[in-house]
Amino acid sequence: MTPTRMSRLESAVRIVLEYYKAFNLHDIAGMMRLMSEDCVFEYSKPAPDGAKYSGKETVTKFWQDFFRESPHGQVKIEDVFGMGFRCVVRWQYHWMDADGKNSYVRGVDIFQVKGGTICEKLSYMKG
């Protein structure tokens, strides 16, 4: 693998890991600093195709609503790997419901990173 290709791969994985660190802090500003102005986010719900959000402002609003509804949510990364401008993350999302019961789901996010920012995040979830 050429040094340029390796550095792109390492950079994409590093950026995505920074994104999840901000996510687990519920630091929306930190998450959005890592996303491009024209970013696209495809959420896993509603089935079967999920909802698509385009642009930084719209994606920011999604995360504000999401964390308001899930104030204890945390992602645990199971695996992460990169391929050029793409990065794939297998994860568990843990939350506490209104009755105080802990739950989790498993899923995969596929990221595309260009120019040092995330331009696409596609989410897929089991269950």
N, C-alpha and C. Protein backbone atom coordinates (compact mmCIF):
# COMPACT_ATOMS: atom_id res chain seq x y z
N MET A 1 0.85 -1.16 0.00
CA MET A 1 0.00 0.00 0.00
C MET A 1 0.90 1.23 0.00
N THR A 2 0.59 2.20 -0.83
CA THR A 2 1.41 3.40 -0.93
C THR A 2 1.22 4.26 0.32
N PRO A 3 2.24 5.09 0.66
CA PRO A 3 2.11 5.96 1.83
C PRO A 3 0.90 6.88 1.75
N THR A 4 0.58 7.41 0.57
CA THR A 4 -0.57 8.30 0.45
C THR A 4 -1.86 7.56 0.75
N ARG A 5 -2.00 6.37 0.18
CA ARG A 5 -3.21 5.57 0.42
C ARG A 5 -3.32 5.22 1.90
N MET A 6 -2.22 4.83 2.54
CA MET A 6 -2.24 4.48 3.95
C MET A 6 -2.63 5.69 4.79
N SER A 7 -2.09 6.86 4.47
CA SER A 7 -2.41 8.03 5.28
C SER A 7 -3.88 8.41 5.14
N ARG A 8 -4.47 8.25 3.95
CA ARG A 8 -5.91 8.50 3.77
C ARG A 8 -6.73 7.54 4.62
N LEU A 9 -6.33 6.27 4.60
CA LEU A 9 -7.03 5.25 5.36
C LEU A 9 -6.93 5.54 6.86
N GLU A 10 -5.73 5.81 7.34
CA GLU A 10 -5.55 6.12 8.76
C GLU A 10 -6.32 7.37 9.14
N SER A 11 -6.33 8.36 8.27
CA SER A 11 -7.04 9.60 8.53
C SER A 11 -8.54 9.36 8.64
N ALA A 12 -9.10 8.58 7.73
CA ALA A 12 -10.55 8.29 7.76
C ALA A 12 -10.92 7.59 9.06
N VAL A 13 -10.16 6.59 9.45
CA VAL A 13 -10.45 5.86 10.68
C VAL A 13 -10.31 6.79 11.88
N ARG A 14 -9.28 7.61 11.92
CA ARG A 14 -9.07 8.55 13.02
C ARG A 14 -10.24 9.52 13.15
N ILE A 15 -10.69 10.07 12.02
CA ILE A 15 -11.81 11.01 12.03
C ILE A 15 -13.08 10.34 12.54
N VAL A 16 -13.34 9.13 12.09
CA VAL A 16 -14.54 8.41 12.53
C VAL A 16 -14.46 8.10 14.03
N LEU A 17 -13.30 7.71 14.52
CA LEU A 17 -13.16 7.45 15.96
C LEU A 17 -13.36 8.73 16.77
N GLU A 18 -12.89 9.86 16.26
CA GLU A 18 -13.14 11.15 16.92
C GLU A 18 -14.63 11.45 16.94
N TYR A 19 -15.32 11.13 15.86
CA TYR A 19 -16.77 11.33 15.78
C TYR A 19 -17.48 10.55 16.89
N TYR A 20 -17.12 9.28 17.07
CA TYR A 20 -17.77 8.47 18.10
C TYR A 20 -17.42 8.96 19.50
N LYS A 21 -16.22 9.46 19.69
CA LYS A 21 -15.85 10.03 20.99
C LYS A 21 -16.78 11.21 21.30
N ALA A 22 -16.98 12.09 20.34
CA ALA A 22 -17.90 13.22 20.52
C ALA A 22 -19.33 12.71 20.73
N PHE A 23 -19.73 11.69 19.98
CA PHE A 23 -21.07 11.11 20.12
C PHE A 23 -21.31 10.66 21.56
N ASN A 24 -20.36 9.93 22.12
CA ASN A 24 -20.54 9.40 23.48
C ASN A 24 -20.53 10.49 24.54
N LEU A 25 -20.01 11.66 24.21
CA LEU A 25 -20.08 12.82 25.09
C LEU A 25 -21.35 13.64 24.83
N HIS A 26 -22.10 13.24 23.81
CA HIS A 26 -23.29 13.97 23.33
C HIS A 26 -22.89 15.39 22.93
N ASP A 27 -21.69 15.49 22.39
CA ASP A 27 -21.11 16.76 21.93
C ASP A 27 -21.45 16.95 20.46
N ILE A 28 -22.64 17.48 20.21
CA ILE A 28 -23.11 17.64 18.84
C ILE A 28 -22.21 18.57 18.05
N ALA A 29 -21.75 19.65 18.67
CA ALA A 29 -20.84 20.58 17.98
C ALA A 29 -19.56 19.85 17.58
N GLY A 30 -19.05 19.00 18.46
CA GLY A 30 -17.85 18.22 18.13
C GLY A 30 -18.09 17.24 17.00
N MET A 31 -19.25 16.60 17.00
CA MET A 31 -19.61 15.68 15.91
C MET A 31 -19.68 16.44 14.59
N MET A 32 -20.36 17.58 14.62
CA MET A 32 -20.61 18.32 13.38
C MET A 32 -19.36 19.01 12.85
N ARG A 33 -18.38 19.28 13.72
CA ARG A 33 -17.09 19.81 13.23
C ARG A 33 -16.41 18.81 12.30
N LEU A 34 -16.73 17.56 12.47
CA LEU A 34 -16.11 16.49 11.68
C LEU A 34 -16.91 16.16 10.42
N MET A 35 -18.04 16.84 10.20
CA MET A 35 -18.89 16.57 9.04
C MET A 35 -18.84 17.73 8.06
N SER A 36 -18.93 17.42 6.79
CA SER A 36 -18.91 18.45 5.74
C SER A 36 -20.22 19.22 5.72
N GLU A 37 -20.20 20.39 5.11
CA GLU A 37 -21.41 21.22 5.01
C GLU A 37 -22.52 20.50 4.26
N ASP A 38 -22.15 19.70 3.25
CA ASP A 38 -23.14 19.01 2.42
C ASP A 38 -23.31 17.54 2.82
N CYS A 39 -23.05 17.23 4.10
CA CYS A 39 -23.09 15.85 4.56
C CYS A 39 -24.47 15.22 4.35
N VAL A 40 -24.45 13.90 4.25
CA VAL A 40 -25.67 13.10 4.13
C VAL A 40 -25.64 12.06 5.24
N PHE A 41 -26.74 11.96 5.96
CA PHE A 41 -26.88 10.96 7.01
C PHE A 41 -28.16 10.17 6.74
N GLU A 42 -28.00 8.86 6.62
CA GLU A 42 -29.16 7.97 6.48
C GLU A 42 -29.32 7.20 7.77
N TYR A 43 -30.40 7.51 8.49
CA TYR A 43 -30.72 6.84 9.74
C TYR A 43 -31.34 5.48 9.43
N SER A 44 -31.27 4.56 10.37
CA SER A 44 -31.75 3.19 10.14
C SER A 44 -33.27 3.06 10.24
N LYS A 45 -33.94 4.03 10.79
CA LYS A 45 -35.41 3.98 10.92
C LYS A 45 -36.04 5.08 10.09
N PRO A 46 -37.26 4.93 9.66
CA PRO A 46 -38.12 3.76 9.79
C PRO A 46 -37.76 2.69 8.75
N ALA A 47 -38.06 1.45 9.09
CA ALA A 47 -37.82 0.34 8.18
C ALA A 47 -38.71 0.50 6.95
N PRO A 48 -38.34 0.02 5.81
CA PRO A 48 -37.12 -0.72 5.54
C PRO A 48 -35.96 0.16 5.07
N ASP A 49 -36.20 1.40 4.67
CA ASP A 49 -35.13 2.20 4.06
C ASP A 49 -34.54 3.26 4.97
N GLY A 50 -35.19 3.58 6.06
CA GLY A 50 -34.69 4.62 6.95
C GLY A 50 -35.00 6.00 6.42
N ALA A 51 -34.56 7.00 7.16
CA ALA A 51 -34.78 8.41 6.79
C ALA A 51 -33.45 9.03 6.38
N LYS A 52 -33.50 9.92 5.40
CA LYS A 52 -32.30 10.57 4.89
C LYS A 52 -32.31 12.05 5.29
N TYR A 53 -31.19 12.50 5.84
CA TYR A 53 -31.00 13.89 6.25
C TYR A 53 -29.81 14.45 5.49
N SER A 54 -30.00 15.62 4.88
CA SER A 54 -28.95 16.22 4.05
C SER A 54 -28.61 17.61 4.55
N GLY A 55 -27.31 17.88 4.63
CA GLY A 55 -26.83 19.19 5.05
C GLY A 55 -26.58 19.26 6.54
N LYS A 56 -25.57 20.03 6.91
CA LYS A 56 -25.13 20.11 8.29
C LYS A 56 -26.23 20.59 9.24
N GLU A 57 -27.00 21.57 8.82
CA GLU A 57 -28.05 22.11 9.68
C GLU A 57 -29.12 21.06 9.98
N THR A 58 -29.53 20.33 8.97
CA THR A 58 -30.57 19.30 9.13
C THR A 58 -30.05 18.15 9.99
N VAL A 59 -28.81 17.73 9.75
CA VAL A 59 -28.23 16.63 10.53
C VAL A 59 -28.05 17.06 11.99
N THR A 60 -27.64 18.30 12.21
CA THR A 60 -27.50 18.82 13.58
C THR A 60 -28.84 18.74 14.32
N LYS A 61 -29.90 19.16 13.67
CA LYS A 61 -31.24 19.12 14.27
C LYS A 61 -31.63 17.68 14.62
N PHE A 62 -31.31 16.73 13.73
CA PHE A 62 -31.61 15.32 14.02
C PHE A 62 -30.94 14.91 15.33
N TRP A 63 -29.64 15.22 15.48
CA TRP A 63 -28.91 14.79 16.68
C TRP A 63 -29.41 15.51 17.93
N GLN A 64 -29.80 16.75 17.82
CA GLN A 64 -30.38 17.45 18.98
C GLN A 64 -31.63 16.72 19.46
N ASP A 65 -32.51 16.36 18.54
CA ASP A 65 -33.74 15.63 18.89
C ASP A 65 -33.41 14.23 19.42
N PHE A 66 -32.45 13.56 18.79
CA PHE A 66 -32.06 12.21 19.18
C PHE A 66 -31.57 12.17 20.63
N PHE A 67 -30.64 13.05 20.98
CA PHE A 67 -30.08 13.04 22.33
C PHE A 67 -31.09 13.54 23.38
N ARG A 68 -32.02 14.36 22.97
CA ARG A 68 -33.09 14.78 23.88
C ARG A 68 -33.93 13.55 24.27
N GLU A 69 -34.17 12.67 23.30
CA GLU A 69 -34.97 11.46 23.54
C GLU A 69 -34.15 10.32 24.17
N SER A 70 -32.84 10.36 24.03
CA SER A 70 -31.98 9.29 24.53
C SER A 70 -30.78 9.89 25.27
N PRO A 71 -31.03 10.49 26.44
CA PRO A 71 -29.96 11.23 27.12
C PRO A 71 -28.84 10.36 27.71
N HIS A 72 -29.05 9.05 27.79
CA HIS A 72 -28.02 8.17 28.35
C HIS A 72 -27.35 7.31 27.29
N GLY A 73 -27.68 7.52 26.03
CA GLY A 73 -27.19 6.66 24.97
C GLY A 73 -25.68 6.69 24.80
N GLN A 74 -25.11 5.50 24.54
CA GLN A 74 -23.68 5.35 24.32
C GLN A 74 -23.43 4.28 23.25
N VAL A 75 -22.41 4.51 22.45
CA VAL A 75 -21.99 3.54 21.45
C VAL A 75 -20.74 2.81 21.96
N LYS A 76 -20.76 1.49 21.82
CA LYS A 76 -19.58 0.68 22.09
C LYS A 76 -19.15 0.10 20.75
N ILE A 77 -17.95 0.41 20.32
CA ILE A 77 -17.45 -0.05 19.03
C ILE A 77 -16.98 -1.50 19.16
N GLU A 78 -17.50 -2.36 18.28
CA GLU A 78 -17.08 -3.75 18.24
C GLU A 78 -15.91 -3.95 17.29
N ASP A 79 -15.93 -3.21 16.17
CA ASP A 79 -14.89 -3.37 15.16
C ASP A 79 -14.91 -2.14 14.26
N VAL A 80 -13.75 -1.78 13.74
CA VAL A 80 -13.67 -0.66 12.80
C VAL A 80 -12.59 -1.00 11.77
N PHE A 81 -12.90 -0.72 10.52
CA PHE A 81 -11.88 -0.91 9.48
C PHE A 81 -12.13 0.07 8.36
N GLY A 82 -11.08 0.38 7.64
CA GLY A 82 -11.17 1.35 6.57
C GLY A 82 -10.73 0.78 5.23
N MET A 83 -11.25 1.42 4.18
CA MET A 83 -10.91 1.05 2.81
C MET A 83 -10.87 2.34 2.01
N GLY A 84 -9.71 2.96 1.90
CA GLY A 84 -9.62 4.22 1.16
C GLY A 84 -10.37 5.32 1.87
N PHE A 85 -11.37 5.88 1.20
CA PHE A 85 -12.18 6.96 1.78
C PHE A 85 -13.34 6.43 2.62
N ARG A 86 -13.48 5.13 2.71
CA ARG A 86 -14.59 4.52 3.44
C ARG A 86 -14.10 3.96 4.78
N CYS A 87 -14.99 3.98 5.74
CA CYS A 87 -14.72 3.40 7.04
C CYS A 87 -16.00 2.71 7.50
N VAL A 88 -15.87 1.48 7.99
CA VAL A 88 -17.02 0.70 8.45
C VAL A 88 -16.85 0.43 9.94
N VAL A 89 -17.92 0.64 10.69
CA VAL A 89 -17.89 0.44 12.14
C VAL A 89 -19.04 -0.47 12.54
N ARG A 90 -18.70 -1.58 13.22
CA ARG A 90 -19.73 -2.42 13.85
C ARG A 90 -19.86 -1.92 15.28
N TRP A 91 -21.09 -1.72 15.73
CA TRP A 91 -21.29 -1.11 17.03
C TRP A 91 -22.45 -1.74 17.79
N GLN A 92 -22.49 -1.40 19.08
CA GLN A 92 -23.64 -1.65 19.94
C GLN A 92 -24.07 -0.27 20.44
N TYR A 93 -25.36 0.00 20.39
CA TYR A 93 -25.88 1.24 20.95
C TYR A 93 -26.65 0.88 22.22
N HIS A 94 -26.21 1.43 23.35
CA HIS A 94 -26.81 1.15 24.65
C HIS A 94 -27.58 2.38 25.13
N TRP A 95 -28.77 2.14 25.72
CA TRP A 95 -29.56 3.23 26.27
C TRP A 95 -30.37 2.72 27.45
N MET A 96 -30.95 3.66 28.18
CA MET A 96 -31.84 3.35 29.30
C MET A 96 -33.23 3.87 28.92
N ASP A 97 -34.24 3.00 29.03
CA ASP A 97 -35.59 3.45 28.68
C ASP A 97 -36.22 4.25 29.83
N ALA A 98 -37.43 4.72 29.63
CA ALA A 98 -38.11 5.57 30.61
C ALA A 98 -38.33 4.87 31.96
N ASP A 99 -38.35 3.52 31.94
CA ASP A 99 -38.54 2.75 33.18
C ASP A 99 -37.21 2.40 33.85
N GLY A 100 -36.10 2.89 33.29
CA GLY A 100 -34.78 2.61 33.86
C GLY A 100 -34.18 1.29 33.42
N LYS A 101 -34.79 0.64 32.44
CA LYS A 101 -34.29 -0.64 31.93
C LYS A 101 -33.22 -0.38 30.87
N ASN A 102 -32.08 -1.07 31.00
CA ASN A 102 -31.01 -0.95 30.02
C ASN A 102 -31.29 -1.85 28.83
N SER A 103 -31.06 -1.32 27.64
CA SER A 103 -31.25 -2.07 26.40
C SER A 103 -30.12 -1.75 25.43
N TYR A 104 -30.01 -2.57 24.40
CA TYR A 104 -29.06 -2.26 23.34
C TYR A 104 -29.48 -2.90 22.04
N VAL A 105 -28.96 -2.35 20.95
CA VAL A 105 -29.09 -2.91 19.62
C VAL A 105 -27.70 -2.94 19.00
N ARG A 106 -27.56 -3.75 17.96
CA ARG A 106 -26.29 -3.81 17.24
C ARG A 106 -26.51 -3.29 15.83
N GLY A 107 -25.44 -2.75 15.25
CA GLY A 107 -25.56 -2.24 13.90
C GLY A 107 -24.22 -1.95 13.26
N VAL A 108 -24.30 -1.34 12.10
CA VAL A 108 -23.13 -0.99 11.31
C VAL A 108 -23.33 0.41 10.74
N ASP A 109 -22.29 1.21 10.77
CA ASP A 109 -22.26 2.49 10.08
C ASP A 109 -21.21 2.43 9.00
N ILE A 110 -21.54 2.96 7.85
CA ILE A 110 -20.60 3.07 6.74
C ILE A 110 -20.38 4.56 6.50
N PHE A 111 -19.14 4.98 6.64
CA PHE A 111 -18.78 6.39 6.49
C PHE A 111 -18.01 6.60 5.19
N GLN A 112 -18.16 7.79 4.63
CA GLN A 112 -17.30 8.24 3.55
C GLN A 112 -16.65 9.53 4.03
N VAL A 113 -15.33 9.59 3.94
CA VAL A 113 -14.56 10.75 4.39
C VAL A 113 -13.83 11.34 3.20
N LYS A 114 -14.02 12.64 2.99
CA LYS A 114 -13.33 13.35 1.91
C LYS A 114 -12.84 14.68 2.44
N GLY A 115 -11.62 15.04 2.08
CA GLY A 115 -11.09 16.34 2.48
C GLY A 115 -11.03 16.53 3.98
N GLY A 116 -10.88 15.46 4.73
CA GLY A 116 -10.75 15.55 6.17
C GLY A 116 -12.06 15.65 6.94
N THR A 117 -13.20 15.50 6.25
CA THR A 117 -14.48 15.53 6.95
C THR A 117 -15.37 14.38 6.47
N ILE A 118 -16.32 14.03 7.30
CA ILE A 118 -17.29 12.99 6.97
C ILE A 118 -18.34 13.60 6.06
N CYS A 119 -18.50 13.04 4.87
CA CYS A 119 -19.51 13.56 3.96
C CYS A 119 -20.73 12.65 3.87
N GLU A 120 -20.58 11.41 4.39
CA GLU A 120 -21.70 10.48 4.34
C GLU A 120 -21.61 9.50 5.50
N LYS A 121 -22.76 9.27 6.15
CA LYS A 121 -22.87 8.28 7.22
C LYS A 121 -24.16 7.50 6.98
N LEU A 122 -24.01 6.22 6.68
CA LEU A 122 -25.15 5.35 6.41
C LEU A 122 -25.26 4.37 7.56
N SER A 123 -26.40 4.32 8.24
CA SER A 123 -26.58 3.49 9.42
C SER A 123 -27.51 2.31 9.12
N TYR A 124 -27.11 1.14 9.61
CA TYR A 124 -27.90 -0.08 9.47
C TYR A 124 -27.96 -0.74 10.84
N MET A 125 -29.14 -1.25 11.22
CA MET A 125 -29.33 -1.75 12.57
C MET A 125 -30.06 -3.09 12.56
N LYS A 126 -29.62 -3.97 13.45
CA LYS A 126 -30.35 -5.24 13.67
C LYS A 126 -31.49 -4.97 14.63
N GLY A 127 -32.59 -5.66 14.39
CA GLY A 127 -33.69 -5.58 15.34
C GLY A 127 -34.60 -4.52 15.06
